[in-house]
């Protein structure tokens, strides 16, 4: 009776192991970042949260101003096109 071992393609095993390792590494890094961010938010004082809100608002205001100016410019161009 001749019992043979199944043929294993070493290259395929290495590629599969590398792919799984890469996926696990990305998943681990993501979870660490989520944990750290959540931990920071849960431990933040009211003063720190207010500072973060102000910083976020300061970043949003210029973006909103640009968007409104662009919208106004487009409306003016459309109005000029309709009257000509």
N, C-alpha and C. Protein backbone atom coordinates (compact mmCIF):
# COMPACT_ATOMS: atom_id res chain seq x y z
N UNK A 1 0.84 -1.16 0.00
CA UNK A 1 0.00 0.00 0.00
C UNK A 1 0.90 1.24 0.00
N UNK A 2 0.62 2.12 -0.95
CA UNK A 2 1.45 3.29 -1.13
C UNK A 2 0.65 4.53 -0.72
N UNK A 3 1.00 5.09 0.42
CA UNK A 3 0.33 6.30 0.90
C UNK A 3 1.20 7.48 0.52
N UNK A 4 0.62 8.40 -0.22
CA UNK A 4 1.39 9.57 -0.66
C UNK A 4 0.89 10.81 0.05
N UNK A 5 1.80 11.67 0.28
CA UNK A 5 1.45 12.95 0.88
C UNK A 5 0.84 13.84 -0.20
N UNK A 6 -0.13 14.66 0.17
CA UNK A 6 -0.68 15.57 -0.85
C UNK A 6 0.38 16.58 -1.27
N UNK A 7 0.36 16.92 -2.54
CA UNK A 7 1.34 17.88 -3.04
C UNK A 7 0.97 19.27 -2.54
N UNK A 8 1.96 19.98 -2.04
CA UNK A 8 1.76 21.32 -1.52
C UNK A 8 2.61 22.28 -2.33
N UNK A 9 1.98 23.27 -2.87
CA UNK A 9 2.72 24.28 -3.62
C UNK A 9 3.23 25.32 -2.62
N UNK A 10 4.54 25.28 -2.38
CA UNK A 10 5.16 26.15 -1.38
C UNK A 10 4.93 27.62 -1.71
N UNK A 11 5.04 27.98 -2.97
CA UNK A 11 4.85 29.38 -3.36
C UNK A 11 3.43 29.85 -3.04
N UNK A 12 2.44 29.00 -3.31
CA UNK A 12 1.06 29.37 -3.02
C UNK A 12 0.85 29.53 -1.53
N UNK A 13 1.45 28.66 -0.72
CA UNK A 13 1.34 28.76 0.73
C UNK A 13 1.95 30.06 1.23
N UNK A 14 3.12 30.42 0.70
CA UNK A 14 3.78 31.66 1.11
C UNK A 14 2.96 32.89 0.73
N UNK A 15 2.41 32.88 -0.48
CA UNK A 15 1.59 34.01 -0.94
C UNK A 15 0.34 34.14 -0.07
N UNK A 16 -0.31 33.03 0.23
CA UNK A 16 -1.50 33.06 1.08
C UNK A 16 -1.17 33.56 2.48
N UNK A 17 -0.05 33.08 3.02
CA UNK A 17 0.34 33.50 4.36
C UNK A 17 0.65 34.99 4.39
N UNK A 18 1.32 35.50 3.34
CA UNK A 18 1.64 36.93 3.28
C UNK A 18 0.37 37.76 3.17
N UNK A 19 -0.60 37.29 2.38
CA UNK A 19 -1.86 38.02 2.23
C UNK A 19 -2.61 38.06 3.56
N UNK A 20 -2.68 36.93 4.23
CA UNK A 20 -3.37 36.89 5.52
C UNK A 20 -2.66 37.78 6.54
N UNK A 21 -1.33 37.74 6.56
CA UNK A 21 -0.57 38.58 7.48
C UNK A 21 -0.83 40.06 7.20
N UNK A 22 -0.86 40.44 5.92
CA UNK A 22 -1.12 41.84 5.56
C UNK A 22 -2.49 42.29 6.00
N UNK A 23 -3.50 41.45 5.80
CA UNK A 23 -4.85 41.79 6.20
C UNK A 23 -4.95 41.93 7.71
N UNK A 24 -4.33 41.00 8.43
CA UNK A 24 -4.34 41.06 9.89
C UNK A 24 -3.63 42.32 10.38
N UNK A 25 -2.53 42.67 9.75
CA UNK A 25 -1.78 43.85 10.16
C UNK A 25 -2.61 45.13 9.97
N UNK A 26 -3.27 45.25 8.83
CA UNK A 26 -4.12 46.42 8.57
C UNK A 26 -5.28 46.46 9.56
N UNK A 27 -5.91 45.32 9.80
CA UNK A 27 -7.04 45.24 10.74
C UNK A 27 -6.59 45.63 12.15
N UNK A 28 -5.42 45.14 12.57
CA UNK A 28 -4.90 45.45 13.89
C UNK A 28 -4.62 46.95 14.01
N UNK A 29 -3.98 47.53 13.00
CA UNK A 29 -3.66 48.96 13.02
C UNK A 29 -4.94 49.78 13.11
N UNK A 30 -5.95 49.41 12.34
CA UNK A 30 -7.24 50.11 12.38
C UNK A 30 -7.84 50.06 13.78
N UNK A 31 -7.85 48.88 14.38
CA UNK A 31 -8.45 48.73 15.70
C UNK A 31 -7.68 49.51 16.77
N UNK A 32 -6.36 49.56 16.65
CA UNK A 32 -5.57 50.34 17.60
C UNK A 32 -5.92 51.82 17.49
N UNK A 33 -6.04 52.32 16.26
CA UNK A 33 -6.38 53.73 16.07
C UNK A 33 -7.77 54.04 16.61
N UNK A 34 -8.72 53.16 16.36
CA UNK A 34 -10.08 53.37 16.88
C UNK A 34 -10.07 53.37 18.40
N UNK A 35 -9.35 52.42 19.00
CA UNK A 35 -9.28 52.36 20.46
C UNK A 35 -8.66 53.64 21.03
N UNK A 36 -7.55 54.09 20.44
CA UNK A 36 -6.89 55.29 20.96
C UNK A 36 -7.79 56.52 20.83
N UNK A 37 -8.45 56.67 19.69
CA UNK A 37 -9.32 57.82 19.49
C UNK A 37 -10.48 57.79 20.46
N UNK A 38 -11.10 56.63 20.63
CA UNK A 38 -12.22 56.49 21.56
C UNK A 38 -11.76 56.76 22.99
N UNK A 39 -10.61 56.24 23.35
CA UNK A 39 -10.07 56.45 24.69
C UNK A 39 -9.83 57.95 24.93
N UNK A 40 -9.28 58.64 23.92
CA UNK A 40 -9.05 60.08 24.06
C UNK A 40 -10.36 60.83 24.27
N UNK A 41 -11.39 60.48 23.49
CA UNK A 41 -12.68 61.17 23.62
C UNK A 41 -13.32 60.91 24.97
N UNK A 42 -13.24 59.68 25.42
CA UNK A 42 -13.87 59.35 26.70
C UNK A 42 -13.16 60.01 27.88
N UNK A 43 -11.86 60.23 27.76
CA UNK A 43 -11.10 60.81 28.85
C UNK A 43 -10.92 62.32 28.72
N UNK A 44 -11.43 62.90 27.66
CA UNK A 44 -11.26 64.33 27.46
C UNK A 44 -12.14 65.11 28.44
N UNK A 45 -11.62 66.22 28.92
CA UNK A 45 -12.40 67.08 29.80
C UNK A 45 -13.32 67.95 28.96
N UNK A 46 -14.23 68.63 29.60
CA UNK A 46 -15.14 69.52 28.88
C UNK A 46 -14.36 70.63 28.17
N UNK A 47 -13.30 71.13 28.79
CA UNK A 47 -12.51 72.19 28.18
C UNK A 47 -11.84 71.70 26.90
N UNK A 48 -11.29 70.50 26.94
CA UNK A 48 -10.65 69.95 25.75
C UNK A 48 -11.67 69.74 24.63
N UNK A 49 -12.86 69.28 24.98
CA UNK A 49 -13.90 69.08 23.97
C UNK A 49 -14.32 70.40 23.34
N UNK A 50 -14.40 71.45 24.14
CA UNK A 50 -14.76 72.77 23.61
C UNK A 50 -13.67 73.27 22.66
N UNK A 51 -12.42 73.03 23.00
CA UNK A 51 -11.31 73.43 22.12
C UNK A 51 -11.40 72.68 20.80
N UNK A 52 -11.69 71.39 20.86
CA UNK A 52 -11.82 70.59 19.63
C UNK A 52 -12.98 71.08 18.78
N UNK A 53 -14.10 71.43 19.41
CA UNK A 53 -15.24 71.95 18.65
C UNK A 53 -14.89 73.25 17.95
N UNK A 54 -14.19 74.14 18.66
CA UNK A 54 -13.80 75.43 18.06
C UNK A 54 -12.86 75.22 16.89
N UNK A 55 -11.88 74.31 17.05
CA UNK A 55 -10.95 74.03 15.95
C UNK A 55 -11.69 73.48 14.74
N UNK A 56 -12.64 72.60 14.98
CA UNK A 56 -13.41 72.03 13.88
C UNK A 56 -14.23 73.10 13.18
N UNK A 57 -14.84 73.99 13.96
CA UNK A 57 -15.65 75.06 13.39
C UNK A 57 -14.78 76.03 12.59
N UNK A 58 -13.58 76.33 13.10
CA UNK A 58 -12.66 77.23 12.38
C UNK A 58 -12.24 76.65 11.05
N UNK A 59 -12.14 75.35 10.96
CA UNK A 59 -11.78 74.72 9.69
C UNK A 59 -12.95 74.72 8.73
N UNK A 60 -14.18 74.56 9.24
CA UNK A 60 -15.36 74.46 8.38
C UNK A 60 -15.77 75.80 7.80
N UNK A 61 -15.59 76.90 8.53
CA UNK A 61 -16.08 78.20 8.09
C UNK A 61 -15.47 78.62 6.75
N UNK A 62 -14.13 78.58 6.56
CA UNK A 62 -13.59 78.98 5.25
C UNK A 62 -14.08 78.08 4.11
N UNK A 63 -14.24 76.81 4.36
CA UNK A 63 -14.74 75.90 3.33
C UNK A 63 -16.17 76.28 2.95
N UNK A 64 -16.98 76.59 3.93
CA UNK A 64 -18.37 76.97 3.68
C UNK A 64 -18.44 78.30 2.93
N UNK A 65 -17.57 79.24 3.28
CA UNK A 65 -17.54 80.54 2.59
C UNK A 65 -17.19 80.35 1.11
N UNK A 66 -16.20 79.51 0.82
CA UNK A 66 -15.83 79.26 -0.58
C UNK A 66 -16.98 78.64 -1.34
N UNK A 67 -17.68 77.70 -0.71
CA UNK A 67 -18.80 77.04 -1.36
C UNK A 67 -19.92 78.03 -1.67
N UNK A 68 -20.22 78.92 -0.72
CA UNK A 68 -21.29 79.90 -0.93
C UNK A 68 -20.90 80.92 -2.02
N UNK A 69 -19.63 81.33 -2.03
CA UNK A 69 -19.18 82.26 -3.07
C UNK A 69 -19.28 81.62 -4.45
N UNK A 70 -18.92 80.36 -4.56
CA UNK A 70 -19.01 79.66 -5.84
C UNK A 70 -20.47 79.53 -6.27
N UNK A 71 -21.35 79.23 -5.33
CA UNK A 71 -22.77 79.12 -5.64
C UNK A 71 -23.32 80.46 -6.12
N UNK A 72 -22.93 81.55 -5.45
CA UNK A 72 -23.39 82.88 -5.84
C UNK A 72 -22.89 83.24 -7.23
N UNK A 73 -21.61 82.92 -7.52
CA UNK A 73 -21.04 83.22 -8.83
C UNK A 73 -21.78 82.47 -9.93
N UNK A 74 -22.11 81.22 -9.69
CA UNK A 74 -22.84 80.42 -10.69
C UNK A 74 -24.23 80.98 -10.91
N UNK A 75 -24.91 81.39 -9.82
CA UNK A 75 -26.26 81.97 -9.95
C UNK A 75 -26.19 83.27 -10.74
N UNK A 76 -25.16 84.10 -10.51
CA UNK A 76 -25.02 85.36 -11.25
C UNK A 76 -24.77 85.09 -12.72
N UNK A 77 -23.93 84.10 -13.04
CA UNK A 77 -23.67 83.76 -14.43
C UNK A 77 -24.94 83.27 -15.11
N UNK A 78 -25.73 82.47 -14.41
CA UNK A 78 -27.00 81.98 -14.99
C UNK A 78 -27.96 83.13 -15.20
N UNK A 79 -28.01 84.07 -14.25
CA UNK A 79 -28.92 85.22 -14.38
C UNK A 79 -28.49 86.08 -15.57
N UNK A 80 -27.20 86.29 -15.75
CA UNK A 80 -26.70 87.09 -16.88
C UNK A 80 -26.99 86.38 -18.19
N UNK A 81 -26.89 85.09 -18.21
CA UNK A 81 -27.16 84.33 -19.43
C UNK A 81 -28.62 84.38 -19.83
N UNK A 82 -29.52 84.47 -18.86
CA UNK A 82 -30.95 84.49 -19.14
C UNK A 82 -31.39 85.85 -19.63
N UNK A 83 -30.74 86.95 -19.21
CA UNK A 83 -31.16 88.27 -19.61
C UNK A 83 -30.58 88.68 -20.95
N UNK A 84 -29.48 88.06 -21.37
CA UNK A 84 -28.86 88.44 -22.65
C UNK A 84 -29.57 87.87 -23.83
